Amino acid sequence: GERRISNKYVTIFFGKLINKKNNKLNISFVTKKKIGNAVKRNKIKRRLRNIVNDAVKNINLRFSYSYLVIAKPTMLNNEYIIIKETIFRDLEKII
């Protein structure tokens, strides 16, 4: 089944994928229209991609899972390090 974990910056939905080749992370990012214009939404997606790329290198992410990361407007805050730490912490909880 699909489960989710939420923090101040994102909601992460995740679920096991059946018969998935475990060599690539299956992850999608959603930035809703109401968050802001395209420039802002692209900035958020770029941030999330960077965070996830780092997460792949640093923590043991489950490649057998599929992830959906839904951004909240707080992603635009200028506290990148804190955002990253928060998301890392939650990704680590996904077992």
Protein backbone atom coordinates (compact mmCIF):
# COMPACT_ATOMS: atom_id res chain seq x y z
CA GLY A 1 0.00 0.00 0.00
CA GLU A 2 0.97 3.61 -0.25
CA ARG A 3 2.18 5.39 2.82
CA ARG A 4 3.21 8.91 3.48
CA ILE A 5 5.44 10.98 5.65
CA SER A 6 5.04 14.69 6.03
CA ASN A 7 7.13 17.57 7.25
CA LYS A 8 7.16 21.34 7.04
CA TYR A 9 8.49 21.36 3.49
CA VAL A 10 7.17 18.32 1.67
CA THR A 11 4.83 15.39 1.80
CA ILE A 12 6.42 12.18 0.61
CA PHE A 13 4.23 9.36 -0.61
CA PHE A 14 5.97 6.05 -1.00
CA GLY A 15 5.08 2.49 -1.79
CA LYS A 16 6.72 -0.69 -2.82
CA LEU A 17 6.93 -1.37 -6.53
CA ILE A 18 6.46 -4.94 -7.61
CA ASN A 19 9.06 -6.40 -9.99
CA LYS A 20 11.11 -3.27 -10.00
CA LYS A 21 14.70 -3.32 -11.20
CA ASN A 22 16.65 -1.97 -8.25
CA ASN A 23 19.13 0.16 -10.12
CA LYS A 24 17.34 3.44 -10.46
CA LEU A 25 15.40 5.59 -8.06
CA ASN A 26 11.78 6.02 -9.04
CA ILE A 27 10.87 9.46 -7.79
CA SER A 28 8.61 12.27 -8.97
CA PHE A 29 8.31 15.83 -7.77
CA VAL A 30 5.09 17.78 -7.69
CA THR A 31 4.91 21.54 -7.33
CA LYS A 32 1.34 22.70 -7.45
CA LYS A 33 0.37 25.79 -9.41
CA LYS A 34 -0.64 27.68 -6.29
CA ILE A 35 2.95 27.64 -5.01
CA GLY A 36 3.96 30.30 -7.48
CA ASN A 37 5.04 31.00 -11.00
CA ALA A 38 7.08 28.66 -13.17
CA VAL A 39 10.35 30.17 -12.02
CA LYS A 40 9.54 29.45 -8.38
CA ARG A 41 8.28 25.98 -9.12
CA ASN A 42 11.40 25.17 -11.12
CA LYS A 43 13.57 26.43 -8.29
CA ILE A 44 11.79 24.09 -5.90
CA LYS A 45 12.15 21.14 -8.24
CA ARG A 46 15.82 21.89 -8.68
CA ARG A 47 16.27 22.02 -4.92
CA LEU A 48 14.43 18.75 -4.44
CA ARG A 49 16.43 17.03 -7.16
CA ASN A 50 19.68 18.19 -5.55
CA ILE A 51 18.55 17.01 -2.14
CA VAL A 52 17.50 13.62 -3.47
CA ASN A 53 20.73 13.17 -5.43
CA ASP A 54 22.65 13.82 -2.22
CA ALA A 55 20.37 11.47 -0.33
CA VAL A 56 21.11 8.69 -2.78
CA LYS A 57 24.83 9.12 -2.10
CA ASN A 58 24.53 9.48 1.66
CA ILE A 59 21.69 7.40 2.95
CA ASN A 60 20.38 4.00 2.14
CA LEU A 61 17.35 4.82 0.02
CA ARG A 62 15.05 2.00 -0.96
CA PHE A 63 15.21 1.59 -4.71
CA SER A 64 12.41 -0.96 -4.55
CA TYR A 65 10.06 1.87 -3.64
CA SER A 66 8.40 4.51 -5.70
CA TYR A 67 8.39 8.02 -4.26
CA LEU A 68 6.22 11.04 -4.87
CA VAL A 69 7.43 14.25 -3.32
CA ILE A 70 4.86 17.02 -3.08
CA ALA A 71 6.38 20.39 -2.34
CA LYS A 72 4.90 22.89 0.07
CA PRO A 73 5.34 26.67 -0.36
CA THR A 74 7.83 26.64 2.54
CA MET A 75 10.31 25.05 0.10
CA LEU A 76 10.98 28.61 -1.05
CA ASN A 77 12.42 29.57 2.33
CA ASN A 78 16.07 30.50 2.37
CA GLU A 79 17.05 27.80 4.79
CA TYR A 80 18.31 25.25 2.31
CA ILE A 81 20.45 23.36 4.81
CA ILE A 82 17.54 22.93 7.22
CA ILE A 83 15.21 21.91 4.41
CA LYS A 84 17.77 19.35 3.30
CA GLU A 85 18.30 17.99 6.81
CA THR A 86 14.57 17.71 7.39
CA ILE A 87 13.97 15.82 4.15
CA PHE A 88 16.99 13.57 4.76
CA ARG A 89 15.67 12.72 8.20
CA ASP A 90 12.32 11.72 6.80
CA LEU A 91 13.80 9.75 3.91
CA GLU A 92 15.82 7.80 6.48
CA LYS A 93 12.62 6.85 8.28
CA ILE A 94 11.26 5.09 5.23
CA ILE A 95 12.01 1.44 5.73
